[in-house]
Amino acid sequence: MVWQSFSDFIDMGGRGAFVWGSYGVSCALIALELWLLRQRRRQSLRRLLQLQQLEQNG
């Protein structure tokens, strides 16, 4: 597609809200997934450390 101006590109023929909204939601969900994975990893590492300490002490 060829646009005459940057605002035409943003508007996307009247469908810009749907297009950019979809990009926004997708980016937000990817960021949420990365954050959740990071939290789970930290939790797993903490649990492994606890188990390691219990094994050494008990």
PDB file of N, CA and C in Angstrom:
ATOM      1  N   MET A   1       0.833  -1.181   0.000  1.00  0.00           N
ATOM      2  CA  MET A   1       0.000   0.000   0.000  1.00  0.00           C
ATOM      3  C   MET A   1       0.876   1.242   0.000  1.00  0.00           C
ATOM      4  N   VAL A   2       0.352   2.271  -0.597  1.00  0.00           N
ATOM      5  CA  VAL A   2       1.050   3.547  -0.658  1.00  0.00           C
ATOM      6  C   VAL A   2       0.169   4.594   0.013  1.00  0.00           C
ATOM      7  N   TRP A   3       0.768   5.349   0.934  1.00  0.00           N
ATOM      8  CA  TRP A   3       0.031   6.392   1.626  1.00  0.00           C
ATOM      9  C   TRP A   3       0.570   7.742   1.198  1.00  0.00           C
ATOM     10  N   GLN A   4      -0.318   8.718   1.171  1.00  0.00           N
ATOM     11  CA  GLN A   4       0.051  10.064   0.755  1.00  0.00           C
ATOM     12  C   GLN A   4       0.754  10.843   1.867  1.00  0.00           C
ATOM     13  N   SER A   5       0.451  10.496   3.110  1.00  0.00           N
ATOM     14  CA  SER A   5       1.059  11.200   4.239  1.00  0.00           C
ATOM     15  C   SER A   5       1.156  10.242   5.429  1.00  0.00           C
ATOM     16  N   PHE A   6       1.847  10.706   6.443  1.00  0.00           N
ATOM     17  CA  PHE A   6       1.986   9.902   7.653  1.00  0.00           C
ATOM     18  C   PHE A   6       0.640   9.720   8.337  1.00  0.00           C
ATOM     19  N   SER A   7      -0.197  10.755   8.316  1.00  0.00           N
ATOM     20  CA  SER A   7      -1.519  10.635   8.943  1.00  0.00           C
ATOM     21  C   SER A   7      -2.386   9.617   8.203  1.00  0.00           C
ATOM     22  N   ASP A   8      -2.230   9.503   6.884  1.00  0.00           N
ATOM     23  CA  ASP A   8      -2.933   8.457   6.132  1.00  0.00           C
ATOM     24  C   ASP A   8      -2.453   7.072   6.569  1.00  0.00           C
ATOM     25  N   PHE A   9      -1.167   6.967   6.824  1.00  0.00           N
ATOM     26  CA  PHE A   9      -0.613   5.705   7.302  1.00  0.00           C
ATOM     27  C   PHE A   9      -1.203   5.341   8.660  1.00  0.00           C
ATOM     28  N   ILE A  10      -1.264   6.315   9.563  1.00  0.00           N
ATOM     29  CA  ILE A  10      -1.818   6.079  10.895  1.00  0.00           C
ATOM     30  C   ILE A  10      -3.301   5.732  10.806  1.00  0.00           C
ATOM     31  N   ASP A  11      -4.030   6.405   9.925  1.00  0.00           N
ATOM     32  CA  ASP A  11      -5.469   6.187   9.768  1.00  0.00           C
ATOM     33  C   ASP A  11      -5.779   4.842   9.107  1.00  0.00           C
ATOM     34  N   MET A  12      -4.898   4.370   8.241  1.00  0.00           N
ATOM     35  CA  MET A  12      -5.037   3.086   7.547  1.00  0.00           C
ATOM     36  C   MET A  12      -6.401   2.929   6.876  1.00  0.00           C
ATOM     37  N   GLY A  13      -6.810   3.953   6.176  1.00  0.00           N
ATOM     38  CA  GLY A  13      -8.071   3.866   5.440  1.00  0.00           C
ATOM     39  C   GLY A  13      -9.288   3.744   6.335  1.00  0.00           C
ATOM     40  N   GLY A  14      -9.228   4.334   7.513  1.00  0.00           N
ATOM     41  CA  GLY A  14     -10.340   4.278   8.447  1.00  0.00           C
ATOM     42  C   GLY A  14     -10.289   3.088   9.399  1.00  0.00           C
ATOM     43  N   ARG A  15      -9.312   2.251   9.243  1.00  0.00           N
ATOM     44  CA  ARG A  15      -9.194   1.060  10.087  1.00  0.00           C
ATOM     45  C   ARG A  15      -8.035   1.151  11.077  1.00  0.00           C
ATOM     46  N   GLY A  16      -7.472   2.312  11.199  1.00  0.00           N
ATOM     47  CA  GLY A  16      -6.300   2.495  12.059  1.00  0.00           C
ATOM     48  C   GLY A  16      -6.537   2.123  13.509  1.00  0.00           C
ATOM     49  N   ALA A  17      -7.725   2.452  14.032  1.00  0.00           N
ATOM     50  CA  ALA A  17      -8.007   2.139  15.436  1.00  0.00           C
ATOM     51  C   ALA A  17      -7.940   0.630  15.676  1.00  0.00           C
ATOM     52  N   PHE A  18      -8.461  -0.140  14.742  1.00  0.00           N
ATOM     53  CA  PHE A  18      -8.426  -1.595  14.887  1.00  0.00           C
ATOM     54  C   PHE A  18      -7.008  -2.130  14.725  1.00  0.00           C
ATOM     55  N   VAL A  19      -6.302  -1.619  13.729  1.00  0.00           N
ATOM     56  CA  VAL A  19      -4.942  -2.095  13.464  1.00  0.00           C
ATOM     57  C   VAL A  19      -4.023  -1.759  14.625  1.00  0.00           C
ATOM     58  N   TRP A  20      -3.979  -0.489  15.014  1.00  0.00           N
ATOM     59  CA  TRP A  20      -3.068  -0.077  16.079  1.00  0.00           C
ATOM     60  C   TRP A  20      -3.519  -0.605  17.435  1.00  0.00           C
ATOM     61  N   GLY A  21      -4.826  -0.737  17.612  1.00  0.00           N
ATOM     62  CA  GLY A  21      -5.327  -1.351  18.843  1.00  0.00           C
ATOM     63  C   GLY A  21      -4.885  -2.801  18.963  1.00  0.00           C
ATOM     64  N   SER A  22      -4.925  -3.513  17.845  1.00  0.00           N
ATOM     65  CA  SER A  22      -4.475  -4.910  17.831  1.00  0.00           C
ATOM     66  C   SER A  22      -2.988  -5.011  18.143  1.00  0.00           C
ATOM     67  N   TYR A  23      -2.205  -4.122  17.561  1.00  0.00           N
ATOM     68  CA  TYR A  23      -0.770  -4.100  17.872  1.00  0.00           C
ATOM     69  C   TYR A  23      -0.548  -3.809  19.357  1.00  0.00           C
ATOM     70  N   GLY A  24      -1.294  -2.858  19.882  1.00  0.00           N
ATOM     71  CA  GLY A  24      -1.149  -2.510  21.293  1.00  0.00           C
ATOM     72  C   GLY A  24      -1.488  -3.660  22.221  1.00  0.00           C
ATOM     73  N   VAL A  25      -2.610  -4.322  21.946  1.00  0.00           N
ATOM     74  CA  VAL A  25      -3.017  -5.467  22.766  1.00  0.00           C
ATOM     75  C   VAL A  25      -1.994  -6.591  22.653  1.00  0.00           C
ATOM     76  N   SER A  26      -1.518  -6.852  21.455  1.00  0.00           N
ATOM     77  CA  SER A  26      -0.515  -7.906  21.258  1.00  0.00           C
ATOM     78  C   SER A  26       0.761  -7.604  22.032  1.00  0.00           C
ATOM     79  N   CYS A  27       1.229  -6.381  21.939  1.00  0.00           N
ATOM     80  CA  CYS A  27       2.452  -5.992  22.669  1.00  0.00           C
ATOM     81  C   CYS A  27       2.246  -6.094  24.173  1.00  0.00           C
ATOM     82  N   ALA A  28       1.070  -5.683  24.651  1.00  0.00           N
ATOM     83  CA  ALA A  28       0.779  -5.771  26.080  1.00  0.00           C
ATOM     84  C   ALA A  28       0.758  -7.226  26.544  1.00  0.00           C
ATOM     85  N   LEU A  29       0.164  -8.103  25.758  1.00  0.00           N
ATOM     86  CA  LEU A  29       0.112  -9.518  26.129  1.00  0.00           C
ATOM     87  C   LEU A  29       1.495 -10.164  26.106  1.00  0.00           C
ATOM     88  N   ILE A  30       2.310  -9.796  25.143  1.00  0.00           N
ATOM     89  CA  ILE A  30       3.681 -10.322  25.095  1.00  0.00           C
ATOM     90  C   ILE A  30       4.470  -9.839  26.310  1.00  0.00           C
ATOM     91  N   ALA A  31       4.316  -8.566  26.662  1.00  0.00           N
ATOM     92  CA  ALA A  31       5.004  -8.025  27.835  1.00  0.00           C
ATOM     93  C   ALA A  31       4.531  -8.728  29.104  1.00  0.00           C
ATOM     94  N   LEU A  32       3.229  -8.975  29.208  1.00  0.00           N
ATOM     95  CA  LEU A  32       2.687  -9.685  30.367  1.00  0.00           C
ATOM     96  C   LEU A  32       3.255 -11.096  30.450  1.00  0.00           C
ATOM     97  N   GLU A  33       3.316 -11.778  29.333  1.00  0.00           N
ATOM     98  CA  GLU A  33       3.864 -13.140  29.302  1.00  0.00           C
ATOM     99  C   GLU A  33       5.331 -13.150  29.733  1.00  0.00           C
ATOM    100  N   LEU A  34       6.112 -12.198  29.254  1.00  0.00           N
ATOM    101  CA  LEU A  34       7.517 -12.112  29.655  1.00  0.00           C
ATOM    102  C   LEU A  34       7.649 -11.853  31.147  1.00  0.00           C
ATOM    103  N   TRP A  35       6.803 -10.976  31.682  1.00  0.00           N
ATOM    104  CA  TRP A  35       6.829 -10.667  33.108  1.00  0.00           C
ATOM    105  C   TRP A  35       6.463 -11.907  33.925  1.00  0.00           C
ATOM    106  N   LEU A  36       5.411 -12.623  33.494  1.00  0.00           N
ATOM    107  CA  LEU A  36       5.000 -13.828  34.211  1.00  0.00           C
ATOM    108  C   LEU A  36       6.083 -14.904  34.169  1.00  0.00           C
ATOM    109  N   LEU A  37       6.723 -15.062  33.026  1.00  0.00           N
ATOM    110  CA  LEU A  37       7.813 -16.034  32.928  1.00  0.00           C
ATOM    111  C   LEU A  37       8.966 -15.671  33.854  1.00  0.00           C
ATOM    112  N   ARG A  38       9.264 -14.392  33.936  1.00  0.00           N
ATOM    113  CA  ARG A  38      10.341 -13.942  34.825  1.00  0.00           C
ATOM    114  C   ARG A  38       9.994 -14.237  36.285  1.00  0.00           C
ATOM    115  N   GLN A  39       8.735 -13.981  36.653  1.00  0.00           N
ATOM    116  CA  GLN A  39       8.300 -14.256  38.024  1.00  0.00           C
ATOM    117  C   GLN A  39       8.381 -15.750  38.341  1.00  0.00           C
ATOM    118  N   ARG A  40       7.932 -16.575  37.409  1.00  0.00           N
ATOM    119  CA  ARG A  40       7.979 -18.028  37.623  1.00  0.00           C
ATOM    120  C   ARG A  40       9.416 -18.520  37.736  1.00  0.00           C
ATOM    121  N   ARG A  41      10.294 -17.959  36.938  1.00  0.00           N
ATOM    122  CA  ARG A  41      11.704 -18.358  36.995  1.00  0.00           C
ATOM    123  C   ARG A  41      12.301 -18.012  38.352  1.00  0.00           C
ATOM    124  N   ARG A  42      12.025 -16.794  38.817  1.00  0.00           N
ATOM    125  CA  ARG A  42      12.533 -16.385  40.130  1.00  0.00           C
ATOM    126  C   ARG A  42      11.992 -17.291  41.230  1.00  0.00           C
ATOM    127  N   GLN A  43      10.702 -17.609  41.143  1.00  0.00           N
ATOM    128  CA  GLN A  43      10.088 -18.480  42.135  1.00  0.00           C
ATOM    129  C   GLN A  43      10.730 -19.868  42.106  1.00  0.00           C
ATOM    130  N   SER A  44      10.967 -20.391  40.942  1.00  0.00           N
ATOM    131  CA  SER A  44      11.597 -21.709  40.805  1.00  0.00           C
ATOM    132  C   SER A  44      13.017 -21.702  41.353  1.00  0.00           C
ATOM    133  N   LEU A  45      13.766 -20.651  41.055  1.00  0.00           N
ATOM    134  CA  LEU A  45      15.135 -20.566  41.563  1.00  0.00           C
ATOM    135  C   LEU A  45      15.155 -20.464  43.082  1.00  0.00           C
ATOM    136  N   ARG A  46      14.210 -19.704  43.652  1.00  0.00           N
ATOM    137  CA  ARG A  46      14.122 -19.610  45.109  1.00  0.00           C
ATOM    138  C   ARG A  46      13.796 -20.975  45.720  1.00  0.00           C
ATOM    139  N   ARG A  47      12.876 -21.678  45.087  1.00  0.00           N
ATOM    140  CA  ARG A  47      12.486 -23.001  45.590  1.00  0.00           C
ATOM    141  C   ARG A  47      13.663 -23.978  45.507  1.00  0.00           C
ATOM    142  N   LEU A  48      14.400 -23.941  44.424  1.00  0.00           N
ATOM    143  CA  LEU A  48      15.577 -24.801  44.298  1.00  0.00           C
ATOM    144  C   LEU A  48      16.617 -24.484  45.364  1.00  0.00           C
ATOM    145  N   LEU A  49      16.810 -23.209  45.643  1.00  0.00           N
ATOM    146  CA  LEU A  49      17.757 -22.812  46.683  1.00  0.00           C
ATOM    147  C   LEU A  49      17.305 -23.318  48.048  1.00  0.00           C
ATOM    148  N   GLN A  50      16.006 -23.215  48.330  1.00  0.00           N
ATOM    149  CA  GLN A  50      15.477 -23.724  49.594  1.00  0.00           C
ATOM    150  C   GLN A  50      15.702 -25.231  49.716  1.00  0.00           C
ATOM    151  N   LEU A  51      15.419 -25.957  48.642  1.00  0.00           N
ATOM    152  CA  LEU A  51      15.607 -27.405  48.667  1.00  0.00           C
ATOM    153  C   LEU A  51      17.077 -27.771  48.838  1.00  0.00           C
ATOM    154  N   GLN A  52      17.944 -27.008  48.215  1.00  0.00           N
ATOM    155  CA  GLN A  52      19.380 -27.246  48.331  1.00  0.00           C
ATOM    156  C   GLN A  52      19.839 -27.010  49.767  1.00  0.00           C
ATOM    157  N   GLN A  53      19.338 -25.951  50.389  1.00  0.00           N
ATOM    158  CA  GLN A  53      19.706 -25.657  51.771  1.00  0.00           C
ATOM    159  C   GLN A  53      19.173 -26.723  52.726  1.00  0.00           C
ATOM    160  N   LEU A  54      17.955 -27.197  52.474  1.00  0.00           N
ATOM    161  CA  LEU A  54      17.398 -28.262  53.306  1.00  0.00           C
ATOM    162  C   LEU A  54      18.215 -29.544  53.179  1.00  0.00           C
ATOM    163  N   GLU A  55      18.647 -29.839  51.986  1.00  0.00           N
ATOM    164  CA  GLU A  55      19.440 -31.040  51.739  1.00  0.00           C
ATOM    165  C   GLU A  55      20.786 -30.958  52.456  1.00  0.00           C
ATOM    166  N   GLN A  56      21.386 -29.772  52.471  1.00  0.00           N
ATOM    167  CA  GLN A  56      22.686 -29.597  53.118  1.00  0.00           C
ATOM    168  C   GLN A  56      22.557 -29.635  54.640  1.00  0.00           C
ATOM    169  N   ASN A  57      21.455 -29.087  55.171  1.00  0.00           N
ATOM    170  CA  ASN A  57      21.277 -29.010  56.620  1.00  0.00           C
ATOM    171  C   ASN A  57      20.621 -30.259  57.202  1.00  0.00           C
ATOM    172  N   GLY A  58      19.904 -30.978  56.412  1.00  0.00           N
ATOM    173  CA  GLY A  58      19.130 -32.088  56.974  1.00  0.00           C
ATOM    174  C   GLY A  58      19.618 -33.376  56.560  1.00  0.00           C
TER     175      GLY A  58
END
